[in-house]
């Protein structure tokens, strides 16, 4: 199974509280920081919810 590199490119200041919690649950705390996550349905759902805040690449 492949992995995804998720980078926070936009600040969560002013974002919907649910989106802030999703970003934090993904392990992202500061802008321009990245995490490697497994490519599964749960991760894809989290990314879809905050797609306007993150950038996704194949890792």
PDB file of N, CA and C in Angstrom:
ATOM      1  N   UNK A   1       0.835  -1.169   0.000  1.00  0.00           N
ATOM      2  CA  UNK A   1       0.000   0.000   0.000  1.00  0.00           C
ATOM      3  C   UNK A   1       0.892   1.248   0.000  1.00  0.00           C
ATOM      4  N   UNK A   2       0.492   2.267  -0.760  1.00  0.00           N
ATOM      5  CA  UNK A   2       1.267   3.492  -0.864  1.00  0.00           C
ATOM      6  C   UNK A   2       0.994   4.420   0.312  1.00  0.00           C
ATOM      7  N   UNK A   3       1.880   5.381   0.476  1.00  0.00           N
ATOM      8  CA  UNK A   3       1.713   6.394   1.502  1.00  0.00           C
ATOM      9  C   UNK A   3       1.476   7.739   0.851  1.00  0.00           C
ATOM     10  N   UNK A   4       0.897   8.668   1.608  1.00  0.00           N
ATOM     11  CA  UNK A   4       0.633  10.015   1.126  1.00  0.00           C
ATOM     12  C   UNK A   4       1.396  11.005   1.995  1.00  0.00           C
ATOM     13  N   UNK A   5       1.995  12.012   1.364  1.00  0.00           N
ATOM     14  CA  UNK A   5       2.652  13.094   2.086  1.00  0.00           C
ATOM     15  C   UNK A   5       1.671  14.260   2.116  1.00  0.00           C
ATOM     16  N   UNK A   6       1.216  14.623   3.307  1.00  0.00           N
ATOM     17  CA  UNK A   6       0.225  15.687   3.476  1.00  0.00           C
ATOM     18  C   UNK A   6       0.918  16.883   4.107  1.00  0.00           C
ATOM     19  N   UNK A   7       0.805  18.060   3.457  1.00  0.00           N
ATOM     20  CA  UNK A   7       1.446  19.286   3.921  1.00  0.00           C
ATOM     21  C   UNK A   7       0.385  20.338   4.188  1.00  0.00           C
ATOM     22  N   UNK A   8       0.447  20.975   5.342  1.00  0.00           N
ATOM     23  CA  UNK A   8      -0.465  22.067   5.686  1.00  0.00           C
ATOM     24  C   UNK A   8       0.047  23.335   5.012  1.00  0.00           C
ATOM     25  N   UNK A   9      -0.707  23.867   4.048  1.00  0.00           N
ATOM     26  CA  UNK A   9      -0.256  25.032   3.287  1.00  0.00           C
ATOM     27  C   UNK A   9      -1.010  26.301   3.653  1.00  0.00           C
ATOM     28  N   UNK A  10      -2.092  26.183   4.396  1.00  0.00           N
ATOM     29  CA  UNK A  10      -2.864  27.344   4.794  1.00  0.00           C
ATOM     30  C   UNK A  10      -3.163  27.245   6.282  1.00  0.00           C
ATOM     31  N   UNK A  11      -3.132  28.376   6.969  1.00  0.00           N
ATOM     32  CA  UNK A  11      -3.348  28.402   8.410  1.00  0.00           C
ATOM     33  C   UNK A  11      -4.777  27.998   8.764  1.00  0.00           C
ATOM     34  N   UNK A  12      -4.928  27.455   9.957  1.00  0.00           N
ATOM     35  CA  UNK A  12      -6.259  27.065  10.427  1.00  0.00           C
ATOM     36  C   UNK A  12      -6.941  28.195  11.195  1.00  0.00           C
ATOM     37  N   UNK A  13      -6.290  29.364  11.281  1.00  0.00           N
ATOM     38  CA  UNK A  13      -6.915  30.512  11.952  1.00  0.00           C
ATOM     39  C   UNK A  13      -8.155  30.899  11.146  1.00  0.00           C
ATOM     40  N   UNK A  14      -9.282  30.964  11.811  1.00  0.00           N
ATOM     41  CA  UNK A  14     -10.531  31.321  11.140  1.00  0.00           C
ATOM     42  C   UNK A  14     -11.236  30.155  10.474  1.00  0.00           C
ATOM     43  N   UNK A  15     -10.650  28.966  10.556  1.00  0.00           N
ATOM     44  CA  UNK A  15     -11.275  27.789   9.953  1.00  0.00           C
ATOM     45  C   UNK A  15     -12.393  27.276  10.856  1.00  0.00           C
ATOM     46  N   UNK A  16     -13.253  26.467  10.280  1.00  0.00           N
ATOM     47  CA  UNK A  16     -14.323  25.827  11.037  1.00  0.00           C
ATOM     48  C   UNK A  16     -13.685  24.963  12.129  1.00  0.00           C
ATOM     49  N   UNK A  17     -14.192  25.006  13.357  1.00  0.00           N
ATOM     50  CA  UNK A  17     -13.591  24.222  14.450  1.00  0.00           C
ATOM     51  C   UNK A  17     -13.427  22.732  14.126  1.00  0.00           C
ATOM     52  N   UNK A  18     -14.366  22.152  13.415  1.00  0.00           N
ATOM     53  CA  UNK A  18     -14.262  20.734  13.036  1.00  0.00           C
ATOM     54  C   UNK A  18     -13.054  20.516  12.121  1.00  0.00           C
ATOM     55  N   UNK A  19     -12.774  21.460  11.243  1.00  0.00           N
ATOM     56  CA  UNK A  19     -11.626  21.348  10.341  1.00  0.00           C
ATOM     57  C   UNK A  19     -10.318  21.501  11.112  1.00  0.00           C
ATOM     58  N   UNK A  20     -10.307  22.388  12.107  1.00  0.00           N
ATOM     59  CA  UNK A  20      -9.119  22.558  12.943  1.00  0.00           C
ATOM     60  C   UNK A  20      -8.782  21.247  13.649  1.00  0.00           C
ATOM     61  N   UNK A  21      -9.800  20.576  14.176  1.00  0.00           N
ATOM     62  CA  UNK A  21      -9.588  19.311  14.877  1.00  0.00           C
ATOM     63  C   UNK A  21      -9.126  18.221  13.925  1.00  0.00           C
ATOM     64  N   UNK A  22      -9.644  18.225  12.706  1.00  0.00           N
ATOM     65  CA  UNK A  22      -9.226  17.236  11.713  1.00  0.00           C
ATOM     66  C   UNK A  22      -7.758  17.419  11.361  1.00  0.00           C
ATOM     67  N   UNK A  23      -7.347  18.669  11.139  1.00  0.00           N
ATOM     68  CA  UNK A  23      -5.945  18.952  10.821  1.00  0.00           C
ATOM     69  C   UNK A  23      -5.040  18.521  11.974  1.00  0.00           C
ATOM     70  N   UNK A  24      -5.440  18.808  13.199  1.00  0.00           N
ATOM     71  CA  UNK A  24      -4.642  18.422  14.360  1.00  0.00           C
ATOM     72  C   UNK A  24      -4.587  16.899  14.500  1.00  0.00           C
ATOM     73  N   UNK A  25      -5.686  16.221  14.199  1.00  0.00           N
ATOM     74  CA  UNK A  25      -5.721  14.753  14.280  1.00  0.00           C
ATOM     75  C   UNK A  25      -4.804  14.116  13.236  1.00  0.00           C
ATOM     76  N   UNK A  26      -4.566  14.832  12.155  1.00  0.00           N
ATOM     77  CA  UNK A  26      -3.656  14.335  11.134  1.00  0.00           C
ATOM     78  C   UNK A  26      -2.200  14.526  11.550  1.00  0.00           C
ATOM     79  N   UNK A  27      -1.967  15.262  12.623  1.00  0.00           N
ATOM     80  CA  UNK A  27      -0.611  15.463  13.119  1.00  0.00           C
ATOM     81  C   UNK A  27       0.033  16.726  12.601  1.00  0.00           C
ATOM     82  N   UNK A  28      -0.760  17.631  12.036  1.00  0.00           N
ATOM     83  CA  UNK A  28      -0.225  18.877  11.492  1.00  0.00           C
ATOM     84  C   UNK A  28      -0.482  20.001  12.482  1.00  0.00           C
ATOM     85  N   UNK A  29       0.572  20.717  12.858  1.00  0.00           N
ATOM     86  CA  UNK A  29       0.429  21.792  13.832  1.00  0.00           C
ATOM     87  C   UNK A  29       0.771  23.159  13.244  1.00  0.00           C
ATOM     88  N   UNK A  30       1.772  23.221  12.374  1.00  0.00           N
ATOM     89  CA  UNK A  30       2.209  24.497  11.806  1.00  0.00           C
ATOM     90  C   UNK A  30       2.134  24.442  10.283  1.00  0.00           C
ATOM     91  N   UNK A  31       2.039  25.612   9.657  1.00  0.00           N
ATOM     92  CA  UNK A  31       1.999  25.656   8.197  1.00  0.00           C
ATOM     93  C   UNK A  31       3.335  25.186   7.634  1.00  0.00           C
ATOM     94  N   UNK A  32       3.284  24.614   6.450  1.00  0.00           N
ATOM     95  CA  UNK A  32       4.431  24.084   5.712  1.00  0.00           C
ATOM     96  C   UNK A  32       5.085  22.880   6.382  1.00  0.00           C
ATOM     97  N   UNK A  33       4.417  22.258   7.355  1.00  0.00           N
ATOM     98  CA  UNK A  33       4.903  21.017   7.944  1.00  0.00           C
ATOM     99  C   UNK A  33       4.188  19.849   7.279  1.00  0.00           C
ATOM    100  N   UNK A  34       4.887  18.725   7.170  1.00  0.00           N
ATOM    101  CA  UNK A  34       4.345  17.561   6.465  1.00  0.00           C
ATOM    102  C   UNK A  34       4.314  16.334   7.360  1.00  0.00           C
ATOM    103  N   UNK A  35       3.398  15.442   7.039  1.00  0.00           N
ATOM    104  CA  UNK A  35       3.330  14.137   7.686  1.00  0.00           C
ATOM    105  C   UNK A  35       3.112  13.084   6.606  1.00  0.00           C
ATOM    106  N   UNK A  36       3.579  11.885   6.881  1.00  0.00           N
ATOM    107  CA  UNK A  36       3.362  10.745   5.989  1.00  0.00           C
ATOM    108  C   UNK A  36       2.227   9.923   6.577  1.00  0.00           C
ATOM    109  N   UNK A  37       1.187   9.702   5.775  1.00  0.00           N
ATOM    110  CA  UNK A  37       0.016   8.957   6.244  1.00  0.00           C
ATOM    111  C   UNK A  37      -0.259   7.809   5.280  1.00  0.00           C
ATOM    112  N   UNK A  38      -0.818   6.716   5.788  1.00  0.00           N
ATOM    113  CA  UNK A  38      -1.164   5.600   4.900  1.00  0.00           C
ATOM    114  C   UNK A  38      -2.304   5.985   3.963  1.00  0.00           C
ATOM    115  N   UNK A  39      -2.268   5.433   2.769  1.00  0.00           N
ATOM    116  CA  UNK A  39      -3.311   5.719   1.769  1.00  0.00           C
ATOM    117  C   UNK A  39      -4.468   4.748   1.984  1.00  0.00           C
ATOM    118  N   UNK A  40      -5.421   5.140   2.832  1.00  0.00           N
ATOM    119  CA  UNK A  40      -6.608   4.319   3.061  1.00  0.00           C
ATOM    120  C   UNK A  40      -7.846   5.212   3.061  1.00  0.00           C
ATOM    121  N   UNK A  41      -9.001   4.613   3.232  1.00  0.00           N
ATOM    122  CA  UNK A  41     -10.261   5.356   3.146  1.00  0.00           C
ATOM    123  C   UNK A  41     -10.382   6.410   4.244  1.00  0.00           C
ATOM    124  N   UNK A  42      -9.920   6.106   5.451  1.00  0.00           N
ATOM    125  CA  UNK A  42     -10.016   7.062   6.557  1.00  0.00           C
ATOM    126  C   UNK A  42      -9.172   8.305   6.275  1.00  0.00           C
ATOM    127  N   UNK A  43      -7.956   8.080   5.809  1.00  0.00           N
ATOM    128  CA  UNK A  43      -7.079   9.206   5.490  1.00  0.00           C
ATOM    129  C   UNK A  43      -7.643  10.027   4.343  1.00  0.00           C
ATOM    130  N   UNK A  44      -8.141   9.364   3.320  1.00  0.00           N
ATOM    131  CA  UNK A  44      -8.727  10.079   2.178  1.00  0.00           C
ATOM    132  C   UNK A  44      -9.916  10.933   2.609  1.00  0.00           C
ATOM    133  N   UNK A  45     -10.718  10.433   3.541  1.00  0.00           N
ATOM    134  CA  UNK A  45     -11.861  11.192   4.035  1.00  0.00           C
ATOM    135  C   UNK A  45     -11.425  12.431   4.797  1.00  0.00           C
ATOM    136  N   UNK A  46     -10.363  12.296   5.610  1.00  0.00           N
ATOM    137  CA  UNK A  46      -9.841  13.455   6.343  1.00  0.00           C
ATOM    138  C   UNK A  46      -9.298  14.503   5.377  1.00  0.00           C
ATOM    139  N   UNK A  47      -8.590  14.047   4.353  1.00  0.00           N
ATOM    140  CA  UNK A  47      -8.018  14.965   3.369  1.00  0.00           C
ATOM    141  C   UNK A  47      -9.129  15.672   2.600  1.00  0.00           C
ATOM    142  N   UNK A  48     -10.170  14.949   2.239  1.00  0.00           N
ATOM    143  CA  UNK A  48     -11.275  15.556   1.492  1.00  0.00           C
ATOM    144  C   UNK A  48     -11.945  16.664   2.297  1.00  0.00           C
ATOM    145  N   UNK A  49     -12.054  16.470   3.604  1.00  0.00           N
ATOM    146  CA  UNK A  49     -12.712  17.452   4.461  1.00  0.00           C
ATOM    147  C   UNK A  49     -11.910  18.763   4.540  1.00  0.00           C
ATOM    148  N   UNK A  50     -10.593  18.675   4.500  1.00  0.00           N
ATOM    149  CA  UNK A  50      -9.758  19.873   4.643  1.00  0.00           C
ATOM    150  C   UNK A  50      -8.893  20.107   3.395  1.00  0.00           C
ATOM    151  N   UNK A  51      -9.410  19.757   2.231  1.00  0.00           N
ATOM    152  CA  UNK A  51      -8.622  19.859   1.005  1.00  0.00           C
ATOM    153  C   UNK A  51      -8.215  21.287   0.665  1.00  0.00           C
ATOM    154  N   UNK A  52      -8.936  22.267   1.188  1.00  0.00           N
ATOM    155  CA  UNK A  52      -8.605  23.660   0.942  1.00  0.00           C
ATOM    156  C   UNK A  52      -7.451  24.148   1.821  1.00  0.00           C
ATOM    157  N   UNK A  53      -7.026  23.345   2.787  1.00  0.00           N
ATOM    158  CA  UNK A  53      -5.946  23.720   3.699  1.00  0.00           C
ATOM    159  C   UNK A  53      -4.655  22.928   3.461  1.00  0.00           C
ATOM    160  N   UNK A  54      -4.739  21.819   2.754  1.00  0.00           N
ATOM    161  CA  UNK A  54      -3.574  20.931   2.624  1.00  0.00           C
ATOM    162  C   UNK A  54      -3.207  20.672   1.168  1.00  0.00           C
ATOM    163  N   UNK A  55      -1.969  20.195   0.997  1.00  0.00           N
ATOM    164  CA  UNK A  55      -1.475  19.742  -0.302  1.00  0.00           C
ATOM    165  C   UNK A  55      -1.088  18.278  -0.138  1.00  0.00           C
ATOM    166  N   UNK A  56      -1.456  17.443  -1.101  1.00  0.00           N
ATOM    167  CA  UNK A  56      -1.233  16.007  -0.986  1.00  0.00           C
ATOM    168  C   UNK A  56      -0.335  15.547  -2.129  1.00  0.00           C
ATOM    169  N   UNK A  57       0.679  14.736  -1.803  1.00  0.00           N
ATOM    170  CA  UNK A  57       1.581  14.146  -2.791  1.00  0.00           C
ATOM    171  C   UNK A  57       1.757  12.664  -2.485  1.00  0.00           C
ATOM    172  N   UNK A  58       2.126  11.906  -3.496  1.00  0.00           N
ATOM    173  CA  UNK A  58       2.494  10.503  -3.272  1.00  0.00           C
ATOM    174  C   UNK A  58       3.838  10.458  -2.574  1.00  0.00           C
ATOM    175  N   UNK A  59       3.973   9.618  -1.562  1.00  0.00           N
ATOM    176  CA  UNK A  59       5.254   9.536  -0.826  1.00  0.00           C
ATOM    177  C   UNK A  59       5.996   8.271  -1.206  1.00  0.00           C
TER     178      UNK A  59
END
